[in-house]
Amino acid sequence: MTNKVLSLLSLATKARQTTGGEMLVEKAVKDGKASLVIVSAEASENTKKKFRNMCIYYHVPIYTYGTKEELGKYTGKEFRATVAVLGKDFYDSFIKIFTDMEVTE
């Protein structure tokens, strides 16, 4: 499962359907452009809480996944604690992968 999420994240990034970093992700959520948010498992508890509350308020699915290094590497950056997937092109695929992961784990 690990490779599926990261591979899809890489594809979405190449299609310019992701944004990363706290400020840009927050803006994408508040502007209604984010279809889902991924927060690194290594992110601080404050960051996780901030994005969890924001995503609940704006009705955006949020998932905790991967390391900061993994999220950064697969989005073409060094490190990323938060990544937003933009638009609906990759939404269904991400939801299916994350749903399958929750069922099997």
N, C-alpha and C. Protein backbone atom coordinates (compact mmCIF):
# COMPACT_ATOMS: atom_id res chain seq x y z
N MET A 1 0.82 -1.21 0.00
CA MET A 1 0.00 0.00 0.00
C MET A 1 0.86 1.27 0.00
N THR A 2 2.00 1.19 0.65
CA THR A 2 2.84 2.38 0.77
C THR A 2 3.13 2.98 -0.59
N ASN A 3 3.54 2.15 -1.53
CA ASN A 3 3.92 2.67 -2.83
C ASN A 3 2.74 3.25 -3.60
N LYS A 4 1.55 2.75 -3.37
CA LYS A 4 0.38 3.25 -4.09
C LYS A 4 0.10 4.70 -3.74
N VAL A 5 0.14 5.04 -2.46
CA VAL A 5 -0.12 6.42 -2.04
C VAL A 5 0.95 7.34 -2.59
N LEU A 6 2.20 6.96 -2.40
CA LEU A 6 3.30 7.82 -2.82
C LEU A 6 3.38 7.92 -4.34
N SER A 7 3.11 6.83 -5.04
CA SER A 7 3.12 6.88 -6.51
C SER A 7 2.01 7.79 -7.03
N LEU A 8 0.83 7.67 -6.44
CA LEU A 8 -0.28 8.52 -6.84
C LEU A 8 0.00 9.98 -6.51
N LEU A 9 0.66 10.22 -5.37
CA LEU A 9 1.04 11.58 -5.00
C LEU A 9 2.01 12.16 -6.02
N SER A 10 2.94 11.36 -6.47
CA SER A 10 3.89 11.78 -7.48
C SER A 10 3.18 12.12 -8.80
N LEU A 11 2.25 11.26 -9.22
CA LEU A 11 1.49 11.52 -10.44
C LEU A 11 0.67 12.81 -10.33
N ALA A 12 0.03 12.98 -9.19
CA ALA A 12 -0.77 14.19 -8.98
C ALA A 12 0.11 15.43 -9.00
N THR A 13 1.31 15.32 -8.47
CA THR A 13 2.23 16.46 -8.47
C THR A 13 2.66 16.79 -9.90
N LYS A 14 2.97 15.77 -10.69
CA LYS A 14 3.36 15.99 -12.09
C LYS A 14 2.23 16.62 -12.88
N ALA A 15 1.00 16.33 -12.48
CA ALA A 15 -0.18 16.92 -13.15
C ALA A 15 -0.54 18.28 -12.55
N ARG A 16 0.31 18.78 -11.67
CA ARG A 16 0.10 20.07 -11.00
C ARG A 16 -1.20 20.10 -10.20
N GLN A 17 -1.48 18.97 -9.54
CA GLN A 17 -2.70 18.84 -8.75
C GLN A 17 -2.42 18.72 -7.26
N THR A 18 -1.24 19.19 -6.83
CA THR A 18 -0.92 19.20 -5.40
C THR A 18 -0.30 20.54 -5.03
N THR A 19 -0.36 20.83 -3.75
CA THR A 19 0.36 21.96 -3.20
C THR A 19 0.84 21.52 -1.82
N GLY A 20 1.97 22.06 -1.40
CA GLY A 20 2.54 21.63 -0.12
C GLY A 20 3.00 22.80 0.72
N GLY A 21 3.15 22.52 1.99
CA GLY A 21 3.54 23.55 2.94
C GLY A 21 2.32 24.09 3.66
N GLU A 22 2.48 24.40 4.93
CA GLU A 22 1.33 24.78 5.75
C GLU A 22 0.53 25.95 5.20
N MET A 23 1.18 27.01 4.79
CA MET A 23 0.45 28.19 4.33
C MET A 23 -0.32 27.92 3.04
N LEU A 24 0.30 27.24 2.10
CA LEU A 24 -0.36 26.96 0.81
C LEU A 24 -1.48 25.95 0.97
N VAL A 25 -1.29 24.97 1.83
CA VAL A 25 -2.35 23.98 2.06
C VAL A 25 -3.53 24.65 2.76
N GLU A 26 -3.24 25.47 3.75
CA GLU A 26 -4.31 26.20 4.44
C GLU A 26 -5.11 27.06 3.47
N LYS A 27 -4.42 27.77 2.59
CA LYS A 27 -5.08 28.61 1.59
C LYS A 27 -5.94 27.76 0.65
N ALA A 28 -5.41 26.62 0.21
CA ALA A 28 -6.17 25.74 -0.69
C ALA A 28 -7.44 25.23 -0.03
N VAL A 29 -7.35 24.88 1.25
CA VAL A 29 -8.53 24.39 1.97
C VAL A 29 -9.56 25.50 2.09
N LYS A 30 -9.12 26.66 2.54
CA LYS A 30 -10.04 27.78 2.77
C LYS A 30 -10.64 28.31 1.47
N ASP A 31 -9.91 28.21 0.37
CA ASP A 31 -10.42 28.67 -0.93
C ASP A 31 -11.28 27.62 -1.63
N GLY A 32 -11.42 26.45 -1.03
CA GLY A 32 -12.24 25.39 -1.61
C GLY A 32 -11.56 24.65 -2.75
N LYS A 33 -10.24 24.77 -2.88
CA LYS A 33 -9.51 24.11 -3.97
C LYS A 33 -8.98 22.73 -3.58
N ALA A 34 -8.85 22.47 -2.29
CA ALA A 34 -8.31 21.18 -1.83
C ALA A 34 -9.41 20.13 -1.80
N SER A 35 -9.16 19.00 -2.43
CA SER A 35 -10.14 17.91 -2.36
C SER A 35 -9.83 16.99 -1.19
N LEU A 36 -8.55 16.92 -0.78
CA LEU A 36 -8.17 16.20 0.43
C LEU A 36 -6.80 16.67 0.89
N VAL A 37 -6.50 16.42 2.16
CA VAL A 37 -5.24 16.85 2.76
C VAL A 37 -4.54 15.63 3.35
N ILE A 38 -3.23 15.58 3.16
CA ILE A 38 -2.40 14.54 3.77
C ILE A 38 -1.43 15.24 4.70
N VAL A 39 -1.42 14.79 5.97
CA VAL A 39 -0.51 15.33 6.97
C VAL A 39 0.47 14.24 7.34
N SER A 40 1.73 14.57 7.41
CA SER A 40 2.75 13.60 7.76
C SER A 40 2.53 13.08 9.18
N ALA A 41 2.83 11.80 9.38
CA ALA A 41 2.75 11.21 10.72
C ALA A 41 3.77 11.88 11.65
N GLU A 42 4.81 12.48 11.09
CA GLU A 42 5.83 13.15 11.88
C GLU A 42 5.50 14.60 12.21
N ALA A 43 4.41 15.12 11.67
CA ALA A 43 4.03 16.51 11.95
C ALA A 43 3.76 16.68 13.43
N SER A 44 3.94 17.89 13.92
CA SER A 44 3.70 18.15 15.33
C SER A 44 2.22 17.97 15.66
N GLU A 45 1.93 17.73 16.91
CA GLU A 45 0.53 17.57 17.33
C GLU A 45 -0.26 18.84 17.05
N ASN A 46 0.37 20.01 17.20
CA ASN A 46 -0.31 21.27 16.90
C ASN A 46 -0.70 21.35 15.43
N THR A 47 0.21 20.95 14.56
CA THR A 47 -0.07 20.97 13.12
C THR A 47 -1.20 20.00 12.79
N LYS A 48 -1.13 18.79 13.34
CA LYS A 48 -2.18 17.81 13.09
C LYS A 48 -3.54 18.33 13.56
N LYS A 49 -3.56 18.91 14.76
CA LYS A 49 -4.82 19.42 15.31
C LYS A 49 -5.36 20.57 14.47
N LYS A 50 -4.47 21.49 14.09
CA LYS A 50 -4.87 22.65 13.28
C LYS A 50 -5.53 22.21 11.98
N PHE A 51 -4.89 21.28 11.28
CA PHE A 51 -5.43 20.84 9.99
C PHE A 51 -6.65 19.94 10.15
N ARG A 52 -6.67 19.14 11.20
CA ARG A 52 -7.85 18.30 11.45
C ARG A 52 -9.07 19.19 11.67
N ASN A 53 -8.93 20.20 12.53
CA ASN A 53 -10.05 21.11 12.81
C ASN A 53 -10.47 21.88 11.56
N MET A 54 -9.49 22.37 10.82
CA MET A 54 -9.78 23.14 9.60
C MET A 54 -10.49 22.26 8.58
N CYS A 55 -10.02 21.04 8.40
CA CYS A 55 -10.62 20.15 7.40
C CYS A 55 -12.03 19.73 7.81
N ILE A 56 -12.25 19.54 9.09
CA ILE A 56 -13.61 19.23 9.56
C ILE A 56 -14.53 20.41 9.25
N TYR A 57 -14.07 21.61 9.57
CA TYR A 57 -14.88 22.81 9.35
C TYR A 57 -15.23 23.01 7.88
N TYR A 58 -14.24 22.79 7.00
CA TYR A 58 -14.43 23.00 5.57
C TYR A 58 -14.86 21.73 4.82
N HIS A 59 -15.12 20.65 5.54
CA HIS A 59 -15.58 19.38 4.96
C HIS A 59 -14.61 18.83 3.92
N VAL A 60 -13.33 18.79 4.29
CA VAL A 60 -12.28 18.25 3.42
C VAL A 60 -11.70 17.01 4.10
N PRO A 61 -11.67 15.86 3.44
CA PRO A 61 -11.08 14.66 4.05
C PRO A 61 -9.61 14.89 4.38
N ILE A 62 -9.18 14.38 5.51
CA ILE A 62 -7.79 14.51 5.93
C ILE A 62 -7.26 13.14 6.35
N TYR A 63 -6.03 12.86 5.96
CA TYR A 63 -5.39 11.59 6.29
C TYR A 63 -3.99 11.86 6.82
N THR A 64 -3.58 11.05 7.78
CA THR A 64 -2.22 11.10 8.29
C THR A 64 -1.46 9.97 7.62
N TYR A 65 -0.36 10.33 6.96
CA TYR A 65 0.36 9.32 6.21
C TYR A 65 1.81 9.73 5.97
N GLY A 66 2.71 8.79 6.10
CA GLY A 66 4.10 8.95 5.68
C GLY A 66 4.93 9.88 6.54
N THR A 67 6.18 9.97 6.14
CA THR A 67 7.13 10.86 6.81
C THR A 67 7.21 12.17 6.06
N LYS A 68 7.78 13.16 6.71
CA LYS A 68 7.97 14.46 6.05
C LYS A 68 8.87 14.30 4.83
N GLU A 69 9.87 13.45 4.96
CA GLU A 69 10.80 13.20 3.85
C GLU A 69 10.10 12.55 2.67
N GLU A 70 9.24 11.56 2.95
CA GLU A 70 8.50 10.88 1.87
C GLU A 70 7.55 11.85 1.16
N LEU A 71 6.78 12.61 1.92
CA LEU A 71 5.85 13.56 1.31
C LEU A 71 6.61 14.60 0.49
N GLY A 72 7.75 15.02 0.99
CA GLY A 72 8.56 15.98 0.24
C GLY A 72 9.13 15.38 -1.03
N LYS A 73 9.71 14.21 -0.90
CA LYS A 73 10.34 13.55 -2.05
C LYS A 73 9.34 13.33 -3.19
N TYR A 74 8.15 12.89 -2.86
CA TYR A 74 7.16 12.57 -3.89
C TYR A 74 6.38 13.78 -4.38
N THR A 75 6.68 14.95 -3.81
CA THR A 75 6.10 16.19 -4.33
C THR A 75 7.19 17.11 -4.87
N GLY A 76 8.40 16.56 -4.99
CA GLY A 76 9.49 17.31 -5.59
C GLY A 76 10.15 18.33 -4.67
N LYS A 77 9.99 18.16 -3.38
CA LYS A 77 10.59 19.07 -2.41
C LYS A 77 11.46 18.26 -1.45
N GLU A 78 12.11 18.96 -0.51
CA GLU A 78 12.95 18.24 0.44
C GLU A 78 12.09 17.61 1.55
N PHE A 79 11.28 18.44 2.22
CA PHE A 79 10.42 17.97 3.30
C PHE A 79 9.06 18.64 3.17
N ARG A 80 8.02 17.92 3.52
CA ARG A 80 6.67 18.50 3.57
C ARG A 80 5.91 17.84 4.71
N ALA A 81 5.36 18.64 5.60
CA ALA A 81 4.52 18.11 6.69
C ALA A 81 3.08 18.00 6.24
N THR A 82 2.70 18.84 5.27
CA THR A 82 1.31 18.83 4.78
C THR A 82 1.29 18.94 3.26
N VAL A 83 0.35 18.23 2.65
CA VAL A 83 0.15 18.28 1.21
C VAL A 83 -1.35 18.29 0.95
N ALA A 84 -1.78 19.14 0.03
CA ALA A 84 -3.18 19.15 -0.40
C ALA A 84 -3.26 18.63 -1.82
N VAL A 85 -4.23 17.77 -2.07
CA VAL A 85 -4.52 17.32 -3.43
C VAL A 85 -5.62 18.24 -3.95
N LEU A 86 -5.37 18.86 -5.09
CA LEU A 86 -6.29 19.86 -5.64
C LEU A 86 -7.23 19.24 -6.65
N GLY A 87 -8.40 19.80 -6.76
CA GLY A 87 -9.35 19.33 -7.76
C GLY A 87 -9.84 17.92 -7.47
N LYS A 88 -10.56 17.37 -8.42
CA LYS A 88 -11.18 16.05 -8.23
C LYS A 88 -10.55 14.95 -9.09
N ASP A 89 -9.55 15.29 -9.91
CA ASP A 89 -8.98 14.31 -10.82
C ASP A 89 -8.41 13.08 -10.11
N PHE A 90 -7.77 13.28 -8.97
CA PHE A 90 -7.13 12.18 -8.25
C PHE A 90 -7.88 11.80 -6.98
N TYR A 91 -8.93 12.52 -6.68
CA TYR A 91 -9.67 12.34 -5.43
C TYR A 91 -10.13 10.89 -5.22
N ASP A 92 -10.85 10.33 -6.18
CA ASP A 92 -11.39 8.98 -6.03
C ASP A 92 -10.30 7.94 -5.80
N SER A 93 -9.20 8.08 -6.50
CA SER A 93 -8.10 7.11 -6.34
C SER A 93 -7.50 7.18 -4.94
N PHE A 94 -7.27 8.40 -4.44
CA PHE A 94 -6.73 8.54 -3.09
C PHE A 94 -7.72 7.99 -2.06
N ILE A 95 -8.99 8.31 -2.19
CA ILE A 95 -9.99 7.84 -1.23
C ILE A 95 -10.04 6.32 -1.22
N LYS A 96 -9.99 5.70 -2.39
CA LYS A 96 -10.02 4.23 -2.47
C LYS A 96 -8.80 3.63 -1.76
N ILE A 97 -7.63 4.17 -2.01
CA ILE A 97 -6.41 3.64 -1.38
C ILE A 97 -6.48 3.79 0.13
N PHE A 98 -6.84 4.99 0.60
CA PHE A 98 -6.89 5.22 2.05
C PHE A 98 -7.99 4.38 2.70
N THR A 99 -9.11 4.19 2.03
CA THR A 99 -10.19 3.36 2.57
C THR A 99 -9.75 1.90 2.66
N ASP A 100 -9.10 1.42 1.63
CA ASP A 100 -8.57 0.05 1.64
C ASP A 100 -7.55 -0.15 2.77
N MET A 101 -6.72 0.86 3.00
CA MET A 101 -5.71 0.78 4.05
C MET A 101 -6.37 0.68 5.43
N GLU A 102 -7.42 1.46 5.65
CA GLU A 102 -8.10 1.47 6.94
C GLU A 102 -8.77 0.12 7.20
N VAL A 103 -9.27 -0.51 6.15
CA VAL A 103 -9.95 -1.80 6.30
C VAL A 103 -8.95 -2.90 6.62
N THR A 104 -7.79 -2.88 5.96
CA THR A 104 -6.84 -3.97 6.11
C THR A 104 -5.92 -3.81 7.30
N GLU A 105 -5.77 -2.61 7.82
CA GLU A 105 -4.84 -2.42 8.93
C GLU A 105 -5.50 -2.61 10.28
